[in-house]
Amino acid sequence: ERELVARIGSGGGSSTNYYAVSVKGR
């Protein structure tokens, strides 16, 4: 199935970003 890898908020700030556990830090 399709999975979410990373997402960024409208402001572009790092505090609003999301990363899947499998890719976080990379």
mmCIF file of all heavy atoms, coordinates in Angstrom:
data_MODEL
# 
_entry.id   MODEL 
# 
loop_
_atom_site.group_PDB 
_atom_site.id 
_atom_site.type_symbol 
_atom_site.label_atom_id 
_atom_site.label_alt_id 
_atom_site.label_comp_id 
_atom_site.label_asym_id 
_atom_site.label_entity_id 
_atom_site.label_seq_id 
_atom_site.pdbx_PDB_ins_code 
_atom_site.Cartn_x 
_atom_site.Cartn_y 
_atom_site.Cartn_z 
_atom_site.occupancy 
_atom_site.B_iso_or_equiv 
_atom_site.pdbx_formal_charge 
_atom_site.auth_seq_id 
_atom_site.auth_comp_id 
_atom_site.auth_asym_id 
_atom_site.auth_atom_id 
_atom_site.pdbx_PDB_model_num 
ATOM 1   N N   . GLU A 1 1  ? 0.824  -1.196 0.000  1.00 0.00 ? 1  GLU A N   1 
ATOM 2   C CA  . GLU A 1 1  ? 0.000  0.000  0.000  1.00 0.00 ? 1  GLU A CA  1 
ATOM 3   C C   . GLU A 1 1  ? 0.865  1.256  0.000  1.00 0.00 ? 1  GLU A C   1 
ATOM 4   O O   . GLU A 1 1  ? 2.007  1.253  0.451  1.00 0.00 ? 1  GLU A O   1 
ATOM 5   C CB  . GLU A 1 1  ? -0.932 0.013  1.214  1.00 0.00 ? 1  GLU A CB  1 
ATOM 6   C CG  . GLU A 1 1  ? -1.955 -1.104 1.234  1.00 0.00 ? 1  GLU A CG  1 
ATOM 7   C CD  . GLU A 1 1  ? -2.898 -1.002 2.404  1.00 0.00 ? 1  GLU A CD  1 
ATOM 8   O OE1 . GLU A 1 1  ? -2.647 -0.189 3.315  1.00 0.00 ? 1  GLU A OE1 1 
ATOM 9   O OE2 . GLU A 1 1  ? -3.906 -1.729 2.409  1.00 0.00 ? 1  GLU A OE2 1 
ATOM 10  N N   . ARG A 1 2  ? 0.301  2.329  -0.502 1.00 0.00 ? 2  ARG A N   1 
ATOM 11  C CA  . ARG A 1 2  ? 0.988  3.608  -0.498 1.00 0.00 ? 2  ARG A CA  1 
ATOM 12  C C   . ARG A 1 2  ? 1.127  4.127  0.929  1.00 0.00 ? 2  ARG A C   1 
ATOM 13  O O   . ARG A 1 2  ? 0.186  4.039  1.721  1.00 0.00 ? 2  ARG A O   1 
ATOM 14  C CB  . ARG A 1 2  ? 0.210  4.614  -1.350 1.00 0.00 ? 2  ARG A CB  1 
ATOM 15  C CG  . ARG A 1 2  ? 0.873  5.978  -1.485 1.00 0.00 ? 2  ARG A CG  1 
ATOM 16  C CD  . ARG A 1 2  ? 0.065  6.874  -2.398 1.00 0.00 ? 2  ARG A CD  1 
ATOM 17  N NE  . ARG A 1 2  ? -1.279 7.094  -1.886 1.00 0.00 ? 2  ARG A NE  1 
ATOM 18  C CZ  . ARG A 1 2  ? -2.227 7.762  -2.533 1.00 0.00 ? 2  ARG A CZ  1 
ATOM 19  N NH1 . ARG A 1 2  ? -1.976 8.277  -3.736 1.00 0.00 ? 2  ARG A NH1 1 
ATOM 20  N NH2 . ARG A 1 2  ? -3.427 7.909  -1.990 1.00 0.00 ? 2  ARG A NH2 1 
ATOM 21  N N   . GLU A 1 3  ? 2.286  4.669  1.258  1.00 0.00 ? 3  GLU A N   1 
ATOM 22  C CA  . GLU A 1 3  ? 2.534  5.176  2.595  1.00 0.00 ? 3  GLU A CA  1 
ATOM 23  C C   . GLU A 1 3  ? 3.095  6.587  2.557  1.00 0.00 ? 3  GLU A C   1 
ATOM 24  O O   . GLU A 1 3  ? 3.812  6.965  1.628  1.00 0.00 ? 3  GLU A O   1 
ATOM 25  C CB  . GLU A 1 3  ? 3.503  4.252  3.353  1.00 0.00 ? 3  GLU A CB  1 
ATOM 26  C CG  . GLU A 1 3  ? 4.904  4.200  2.757  1.00 0.00 ? 3  GLU A CG  1 
ATOM 27  C CD  . GLU A 1 3  ? 5.887  3.433  3.622  1.00 0.00 ? 3  GLU A CD  1 
ATOM 28  O OE1 . GLU A 1 3  ? 5.616  3.242  4.824  1.00 0.00 ? 3  GLU A OE1 1 
ATOM 29  O OE2 . GLU A 1 3  ? 6.939  3.019  3.088  1.00 0.00 ? 3  GLU A OE2 1 
ATOM 30  N N   . LEU A 1 4  ? 2.769  7.347  3.577  1.00 0.00 ? 4  LEU A N   1 
ATOM 31  C CA  . LEU A 1 4  ? 3.291  8.702  3.711  1.00 0.00 ? 4  LEU A CA  1 
ATOM 32  C C   . LEU A 1 4  ? 4.729  8.636  4.195  1.00 0.00 ? 4  LEU A C   1 
ATOM 33  O O   . LEU A 1 4  ? 5.021  8.025  5.221  1.00 0.00 ? 4  LEU A O   1 
ATOM 34  C CB  . LEU A 1 4  ? 2.438  9.508  4.689  1.00 0.00 ? 4  LEU A CB  1 
ATOM 35  C CG  . LEU A 1 4  ? 2.941  10.909 5.046  1.00 0.00 ? 4  LEU A CG  1 
ATOM 36  C CD1 . LEU A 1 4  ? 2.989  11.798 3.810  1.00 0.00 ? 4  LEU A CD1 1 
ATOM 37  C CD2 . LEU A 1 4  ? 2.045  11.522 6.124  1.00 0.00 ? 4  LEU A CD2 1 
ATOM 38  N N   . VAL A 1 5  ? 5.630  9.292  3.472  1.00 0.00 ? 5  VAL A N   1 
ATOM 39  C CA  . VAL A 1 5  ? 7.039  9.310  3.815  1.00 0.00 ? 5  VAL A CA  1 
ATOM 40  C C   . VAL A 1 5  ? 7.403  10.578 4.561  1.00 0.00 ? 5  VAL A C   1 
ATOM 41  O O   . VAL A 1 5  ? 8.044  10.542 5.620  1.00 0.00 ? 5  VAL A O   1 
ATOM 42  C CB  . VAL A 1 5  ? 7.926  9.174  2.558  1.00 0.00 ? 5  VAL A CB  1 
ATOM 43  C CG1 . VAL A 1 5  ? 9.399  9.268  2.928  1.00 0.00 ? 5  VAL A CG1 1 
ATOM 44  C CG2 . VAL A 1 5  ? 7.626  7.866  1.850  1.00 0.00 ? 5  VAL A CG2 1 
ATOM 45  N N   . ALA A 1 6  ? 7.022  11.726 4.014  1.00 0.00 ? 6  ALA A N   1 
ATOM 46  C CA  . ALA A 1 6  ? 7.331  13.013 4.616  1.00 0.00 ? 6  ALA A CA  1 
ATOM 47  C C   . ALA A 1 6  ? 6.324  14.053 4.172  1.00 0.00 ? 6  ALA A C   1 
ATOM 48  O O   . ALA A 1 6  ? 5.829  14.013 3.047  1.00 0.00 ? 6  ALA A O   1 
ATOM 49  C CB  . ALA A 1 6  ? 8.744  13.451 4.236  1.00 0.00 ? 6  ALA A CB  1 
ATOM 50  N N   . ARG A 1 7  ? 6.040  15.005 5.056  1.00 0.00 ? 7  ARG A N   1 
ATOM 51  C CA  . ARG A 1 7  ? 5.091  16.070 4.744  1.00 0.00 ? 7  ARG A CA  1 
ATOM 52  C C   . ARG A 1 7  ? 5.548  17.356 5.415  1.00 0.00 ? 7  ARG A C   1 
ATOM 53  O O   . ARG A 1 7  ? 6.056  17.341 6.539  1.00 0.00 ? 7  ARG A O   1 
ATOM 54  C CB  . ARG A 1 7  ? 3.685  15.683 5.206  1.00 0.00 ? 7  ARG A CB  1 
ATOM 55  C CG  . ARG A 1 7  ? 2.602  16.690 4.852  1.00 0.00 ? 7  ARG A CG  1 
ATOM 56  C CD  . ARG A 1 7  ? 1.235  16.062 4.973  1.00 0.00 ? 7  ARG A CD  1 
ATOM 57  N NE  . ARG A 1 7  ? 1.001  15.532 6.306  1.00 0.00 ? 7  ARG A NE  1 
ATOM 58  C CZ  . ARG A 1 7  ? 0.052  14.648 6.612  1.00 0.00 ? 7  ARG A CZ  1 
ATOM 59  N NH1 . ARG A 1 7  ? -0.745 14.180 5.652  1.00 0.00 ? 7  ARG A NH1 1 
ATOM 60  N NH2 . ARG A 1 7  ? -0.095 14.217 7.850  1.00 0.00 ? 7  ARG A NH2 1 
ATOM 61  N N   . ILE A 1 8  ? 5.341  18.475 4.734  1.00 0.00 ? 8  ILE A N   1 
ATOM 62  C CA  . ILE A 1 8  ? 5.763  19.769 5.243  1.00 0.00 ? 8  ILE A CA  1 
ATOM 63  C C   . ILE A 1 8  ? 4.583  20.724 5.262  1.00 0.00 ? 8  ILE A C   1 
ATOM 64  O O   . ILE A 1 8  ? 3.760  20.745 4.349  1.00 0.00 ? 8  ILE A O   1 
ATOM 65  C CB  . ILE A 1 8  ? 6.931  20.324 4.400  1.00 0.00 ? 8  ILE A CB  1 
ATOM 66  C CG1 . ILE A 1 8  ? 7.497  21.602 5.026  1.00 0.00 ? 8  ILE A CG1 1 
ATOM 67  C CG2 . ILE A 1 8  ? 6.504  20.561 2.953  1.00 0.00 ? 8  ILE A CG2 1 
ATOM 68  C CD1 . ILE A 1 8  ? 8.813  22.041 4.402  1.00 0.00 ? 8  ILE A CD1 1 
ATOM 69  N N   . GLY A 1 9  ? 4.489  21.535 6.315  1.00 0.00 ? 9  GLY A N   1 
ATOM 70  C CA  . GLY A 1 9  ? 3.390  22.465 6.478  1.00 0.00 ? 9  GLY A CA  1 
ATOM 71  C C   . GLY A 1 9  ? 3.493  23.665 5.565  1.00 0.00 ? 9  GLY A C   1 
ATOM 72  O O   . GLY A 1 9  ? 4.488  23.873 4.869  1.00 0.00 ? 9  GLY A O   1 
ATOM 73  N N   . SER A 1 10 ? 2.450  24.472 5.574  1.00 0.00 ? 10 SER A N   1 
ATOM 74  C CA  . SER A 1 10 ? 2.373  25.625 4.674  1.00 0.00 ? 10 SER A CA  1 
ATOM 75  C C   . SER A 1 10 ? 3.468  26.653 4.916  1.00 0.00 ? 10 SER A C   1 
ATOM 76  O O   . SER A 1 10 ? 3.903  27.320 3.979  1.00 0.00 ? 10 SER A O   1 
ATOM 77  C CB  . SER A 1 10 ? 0.999  26.289 4.796  1.00 0.00 ? 10 SER A CB  1 
ATOM 78  O OG  . SER A 1 10 ? 0.772  26.744 6.116  1.00 0.00 ? 10 SER A OG  1 
ATOM 79  N N   . GLY A 1 11 ? 3.899  26.795 6.157  1.00 0.00 ? 11 GLY A N   1 
ATOM 80  C CA  . GLY A 1 11 ? 4.918  27.776 6.485  1.00 0.00 ? 11 GLY A CA  1 
ATOM 81  C C   . GLY A 1 11 ? 6.331  27.343 6.178  1.00 0.00 ? 11 GLY A C   1 
ATOM 82  O O   . GLY A 1 11 ? 7.240  28.170 6.126  1.00 0.00 ? 11 GLY A O   1 
ATOM 83  N N   . GLY A 1 12 ? 6.540  26.058 5.996  1.00 0.00 ? 12 GLY A N   1 
ATOM 84  C CA  . GLY A 1 12 ? 7.866  25.545 5.688  1.00 0.00 ? 12 GLY A CA  1 
ATOM 85  C C   . GLY A 1 12 ? 8.772  25.354 6.892  1.00 0.00 ? 12 GLY A C   1 
ATOM 86  O O   . GLY A 1 12 ? 9.933  24.961 6.729  1.00 0.00 ? 12 GLY A O   1 
ATOM 87  N N   . GLY A 1 13 ? 8.281  25.621 8.083  1.00 0.00 ? 13 GLY A N   1 
ATOM 88  C CA  . GLY A 1 13 ? 9.076  25.473 9.279  1.00 0.00 ? 13 GLY A CA  1 
ATOM 89  C C   . GLY A 1 13 ? 9.273  24.014 9.660  1.00 0.00 ? 13 GLY A C   1 
ATOM 90  O O   . GLY A 1 13 ? 8.396  23.180 9.432  1.00 0.00 ? 13 GLY A O   1 
ATOM 91  N N   . SER A 1 14 ? 10.411 23.708 10.250 1.00 0.00 ? 14 SER A N   1 
ATOM 92  C CA  . SER A 1 14 ? 10.723 22.329 10.602 1.00 0.00 ? 14 SER A CA  1 
ATOM 93  C C   . SER A 1 14 ? 9.785  21.766 11.667 1.00 0.00 ? 14 SER A C   1 
ATOM 94  O O   . SER A 1 14 ? 9.586  20.551 11.737 1.00 0.00 ? 14 SER A O   1 
ATOM 95  C CB  . SER A 1 14 ? 12.171 22.217 11.078 1.00 0.00 ? 14 SER A CB  1 
ATOM 96  O OG  . SER A 1 14 ? 12.395 23.009 12.228 1.00 0.00 ? 14 SER A OG  1 
ATOM 97  N N   . SER A 1 15 ? 9.203  22.620 12.489 1.00 0.00 ? 15 SER A N   1 
ATOM 98  C CA  . SER A 1 15 ? 8.316  22.163 13.559 1.00 0.00 ? 15 SER A CA  1 
ATOM 99  C C   . SER A 1 15 ? 7.024  21.565 13.035 1.00 0.00 ? 15 SER A C   1 
ATOM 100 O O   . SER A 1 15 ? 6.352  20.818 13.758 1.00 0.00 ? 15 SER A O   1 
ATOM 101 C CB  . SER A 1 15 ? 8.002  23.304 14.521 1.00 0.00 ? 15 SER A CB  1 
ATOM 102 O OG  . SER A 1 15 ? 7.309  24.349 13.870 1.00 0.00 ? 15 SER A OG  1 
ATOM 103 N N   . THR A 1 16 ? 6.665  21.853 11.797 1.00 0.00 ? 16 THR A N   1 
ATOM 104 C CA  . THR A 1 16 ? 5.430  21.348 11.210 1.00 0.00 ? 16 THR A CA  1 
ATOM 105 C C   . THR A 1 16 ? 5.654  20.144 10.308 1.00 0.00 ? 16 THR A C   1 
ATOM 106 O O   . THR A 1 16 ? 4.703  19.629 9.725  1.00 0.00 ? 16 THR A O   1 
ATOM 107 C CB  . THR A 1 16 ? 4.722  22.441 10.405 1.00 0.00 ? 16 THR A CB  1 
ATOM 108 O OG1 . THR A 1 16 ? 5.550  22.858 9.319  1.00 0.00 ? 16 THR A OG1 1 
ATOM 109 C CG2 . THR A 1 16 ? 4.423  23.643 11.289 1.00 0.00 ? 16 THR A CG2 1 
ATOM 110 N N   . ASN A 1 17 ? 6.886  19.683 10.194 1.00 0.00 ? 17 ASN A N   1 
ATOM 111 C CA  . ASN A 1 17 ? 7.195  18.563 9.309  1.00 0.00 ? 17 ASN A CA  1 
ATOM 112 C C   . ASN A 1 17 ? 6.822  17.224 9.939  1.00 0.00 ? 17 ASN A C   1 
ATOM 113 O O   . ASN A 1 17 ? 6.802  17.072 11.165 1.00 0.00 ? 17 ASN A O   1 
ATOM 114 C CB  . ASN A 1 17 ? 8.680  18.553 8.959  1.00 0.00 ? 17 ASN A CB  1 
ATOM 115 C CG  . ASN A 1 17 ? 9.095  19.755 8.135  1.00 0.00 ? 17 ASN A CG  1 
ATOM 116 O OD1 . ASN A 1 17 ? 8.262  20.555 7.709  1.00 0.00 ? 17 ASN A OD1 1 
ATOM 117 N ND2 . ASN A 1 17 ? 10.396 19.892 7.915  1.00 0.00 ? 17 ASN A ND2 1 
ATOM 118 N N   . TYR A 1 18 ? 6.533  16.264 9.073  1.00 0.00 ? 18 TYR A N   1 
ATOM 119 C CA  . TYR A 1 18 ? 6.278  14.908 9.512  1.00 0.00 ? 18 TYR A CA  1 
ATOM 120 C C   . TYR A 1 18 ? 7.181  13.959 8.737  1.00 0.00 ? 18 TYR A C   1 
ATOM 121 O O   . TYR A 1 18 ? 7.367  14.115 7.530  1.00 0.00 ? 18 TYR A O   1 
ATOM 122 C CB  . TYR A 1 18 ? 4.818  14.501 9.278  1.00 0.00 ? 18 TYR A CB  1 
ATOM 123 C CG  . TYR A 1 18 ? 4.591  13.015 9.430  1.00 0.00 ? 18 TYR A CG  1 
ATOM 124 C CD1 . TYR A 1 18 ? 4.350  12.456 10.680 1.00 0.00 ? 18 TYR A CD1 1 
ATOM 125 C CD2 . TYR A 1 18 ? 4.651  12.169 8.323  1.00 0.00 ? 18 TYR A CD2 1 
ATOM 126 C CE1 . TYR A 1 18 ? 4.168  11.094 10.828 1.00 0.00 ? 18 TYR A CE1 1 
ATOM 127 C CE2 . TYR A 1 18 ? 4.475  10.801 8.464  1.00 0.00 ? 18 TYR A CE2 1 
ATOM 128 C CZ  . TYR A 1 18 ? 4.235  10.269 9.720  1.00 0.00 ? 18 TYR A CZ  1 
ATOM 129 O OH  . TYR A 1 18 ? 4.059  8.909  9.855  1.00 0.00 ? 18 TYR A OH  1 
ATOM 130 N N   . TYR A 1 19 ? 7.728  12.958 9.436  1.00 0.00 ? 19 TYR A N   1 
ATOM 131 C CA  . TYR A 1 19 ? 8.533  11.929 8.800  1.00 0.00 ? 19 TYR A CA  1 
ATOM 132 C C   . TYR A 1 19 ? 8.114  10.563 9.310  1.00 0.00 ? 19 TYR A C   1 
ATOM 133 O O   . TYR A 1 19 ? 7.852  10.389 10.499 1.00 0.00 ? 19 TYR A O   1 
ATOM 134 C CB  . TYR A 1 19 ? 10.022 12.121 9.091  1.00 0.00 ? 19 TYR A CB  1 
ATOM 135 C CG  . TYR A 1 19 ? 10.615 13.374 8.506  1.00 0.00 ? 19 TYR A CG  1 
ATOM 136 C CD1 . TYR A 1 19 ? 10.761 14.523 9.276  1.00 0.00 ? 19 TYR A CD1 1 
ATOM 137 C CD2 . TYR A 1 19 ? 11.042 13.411 7.180  1.00 0.00 ? 19 TYR A CD2 1 
ATOM 138 C CE1 . TYR A 1 19 ? 11.307 15.673 8.745  1.00 0.00 ? 19 TYR A CE1 1 
ATOM 139 C CE2 . TYR A 1 19 ? 11.594 14.556 6.639  1.00 0.00 ? 19 TYR A CE2 1 
ATOM 140 C CZ  . TYR A 1 19 ? 11.726 15.685 7.422  1.00 0.00 ? 19 TYR A CZ  1 
ATOM 141 O OH  . TYR A 1 19 ? 12.272 16.827 6.885  1.00 0.00 ? 19 TYR A OH  1 
ATOM 142 N N   . ALA A 1 20 ? 8.057  9.615  8.412  1.00 0.00 ? 20 ALA A N   1 
ATOM 143 C CA  . ALA A 1 20 ? 7.819  8.243  8.818  1.00 0.00 ? 20 ALA A CA  1 
ATOM 144 C C   . ALA A 1 20 ? 8.990  7.770  9.664  1.00 0.00 ? 20 ALA A C   1 
ATOM 145 O O   . ALA A 1 20 ? 10.131 8.187  9.455  1.00 0.00 ? 20 ALA A O   1 
ATOM 146 C CB  . ALA A 1 20 ? 7.653  7.345  7.593  1.00 0.00 ? 20 ALA A CB  1 
ATOM 147 N N   . VAL A 1 21 ? 8.714  6.904  10.626 1.00 0.00 ? 21 VAL A N   1 
ATOM 148 C CA  . VAL A 1 21 ? 9.755  6.418  11.516 1.00 0.00 ? 21 VAL A CA  1 
ATOM 149 C C   . VAL A 1 21 ? 10.905 5.784  10.735 1.00 0.00 ? 21 VAL A C   1 
ATOM 150 O O   . VAL A 1 21 ? 12.079 5.942  11.096 1.00 0.00 ? 21 VAL A O   1 
ATOM 151 C CB  . VAL A 1 21 ? 9.181  5.407  12.524 1.00 0.00 ? 21 VAL A CB  1 
ATOM 152 C CG1 . VAL A 1 21 ? 10.298 4.782  13.357 1.00 0.00 ? 21 VAL A CG1 1 
ATOM 153 C CG2 . VAL A 1 21 ? 8.160  6.082  13.420 1.00 0.00 ? 21 VAL A CG2 1 
ATOM 154 N N   . SER A 1 22 ? 10.592 5.101  9.662  1.00 0.00 ? 22 SER A N   1 
ATOM 155 C CA  . SER A 1 22 ? 11.593 4.394  8.886  1.00 0.00 ? 22 SER A CA  1 
ATOM 156 C C   . SER A 1 22 ? 12.582 5.309  8.165  1.00 0.00 ? 22 SER A C   1 
ATOM 157 O O   . SER A 1 22 ? 13.664 4.859  7.774  1.00 0.00 ? 22 SER A O   1 
ATOM 158 C CB  . SER A 1 22 ? 10.922 3.479  7.855  1.00 0.00 ? 22 SER A CB  1 
ATOM 159 O OG  . SER A 1 22 ? 10.123 4.227  6.958  1.00 0.00 ? 22 SER A OG  1 
ATOM 160 N N   . VAL A 1 23 ? 12.233 6.590  7.995  1.00 0.00 ? 23 VAL A N   1 
ATOM 161 C CA  . VAL A 1 23 ? 13.111 7.512  7.273  1.00 0.00 ? 23 VAL A CA  1 
ATOM 162 C C   . VAL A 1 23 ? 13.600 8.665  8.135  1.00 0.00 ? 23 VAL A C   1 
ATOM 163 O O   . VAL A 1 23 ? 14.458 9.440  7.689  1.00 0.00 ? 23 VAL A O   1 
ATOM 164 C CB  . VAL A 1 23 ? 12.423 8.078  6.014  1.00 0.00 ? 23 VAL A CB  1 
ATOM 165 C CG1 . VAL A 1 23 ? 11.888 6.961  5.139  1.00 0.00 ? 23 VAL A CG1 1 
ATOM 166 C CG2 . VAL A 1 23 ? 11.304 9.043  6.395  1.00 0.00 ? 23 VAL A CG2 1 
ATOM 167 N N   . LYS A 1 24 ? 13.083 8.800  9.338  1.00 0.00 ? 24 LYS A N   1 
ATOM 168 C CA  . LYS A 1 24 ? 13.469 9.902  10.211 1.00 0.00 ? 24 LYS A CA  1 
ATOM 169 C C   . LYS A 1 24 ? 14.970 9.879  10.474 1.00 0.00 ? 24 LYS A C   1 
ATOM 170 O O   . LYS A 1 24 ? 15.546 8.847  10.813 1.00 0.00 ? 24 LYS A O   1 
ATOM 171 C CB  . LYS A 1 24 ? 12.694 9.833  11.520 1.00 0.00 ? 24 LYS A CB  1 
ATOM 172 C CG  . LYS A 1 24 ? 12.904 11.031 12.439 1.00 0.00 ? 24 LYS A CG  1 
ATOM 173 C CD  . LYS A 1 24 ? 11.994 10.959 13.655 1.00 0.00 ? 24 LYS A CD  1 
ATOM 174 C CE  . LYS A 1 24 ? 10.533 11.040 13.259 1.00 0.00 ? 24 LYS A CE  1 
ATOM 175 N NZ  . LYS A 1 24 ? 9.641  11.058 14.456 1.00 0.00 ? 24 LYS A NZ  1 
ATOM 176 N N   . GLY A 1 25 ? 15.598 11.043 10.315 1.00 0.00 ? 25 GLY A N   1 
ATOM 177 C CA  . GLY A 1 25 ? 17.032 11.151 10.498 1.00 0.00 ? 25 GLY A CA  1 
ATOM 178 C C   . GLY A 1 25 ? 17.820 10.957 9.223  1.00 0.00 ? 25 GLY A C   1 
ATOM 179 O O   . GLY A 1 25 ? 19.017 11.283 9.184  1.00 0.00 ? 25 GLY A O   1 
ATOM 180 N N   . ARG A 1 26 ? 17.182 10.424 8.189  1.00 0.00 ? 26 ARG A N   1 
ATOM 181 C CA  . ARG A 1 26 ? 17.848 10.193 6.910  1.00 0.00 ? 26 ARG A CA  1 
ATOM 182 C C   . ARG A 1 26 ? 17.290 11.075 5.801  1.00 0.00 ? 26 ARG A C   1 
ATOM 183 O O   . ARG A 1 26 ? 18.030 11.489 4.911  1.00 0.00 ? 26 ARG A O   1 
ATOM 184 C CB  . ARG A 1 26 ? 17.715 8.731  6.492  1.00 0.00 ? 26 ARG A CB  1 
ATOM 185 C CG  . ARG A 1 26 ? 18.341 7.750  7.473  1.00 0.00 ? 26 ARG A CG  1 
ATOM 186 C CD  . ARG A 1 26 ? 18.342 6.336  6.906  1.00 0.00 ? 26 ARG A CD  1 
ATOM 187 N NE  . ARG A 1 26 ? 16.982 5.830  6.691  1.00 0.00 ? 26 ARG A NE  1 
ATOM 188 C CZ  . ARG A 1 26 ? 16.499 5.464  5.500  1.00 0.00 ? 26 ARG A CZ  1 
ATOM 189 N NH1 . ARG A 1 26 ? 17.260 5.547  4.419  1.00 0.00 ? 26 ARG A NH1 1 
ATOM 190 N NH2 . ARG A 1 26 ? 15.261 4.999  5.402  1.00 0.00 ? 26 ARG A NH2 1 
# 
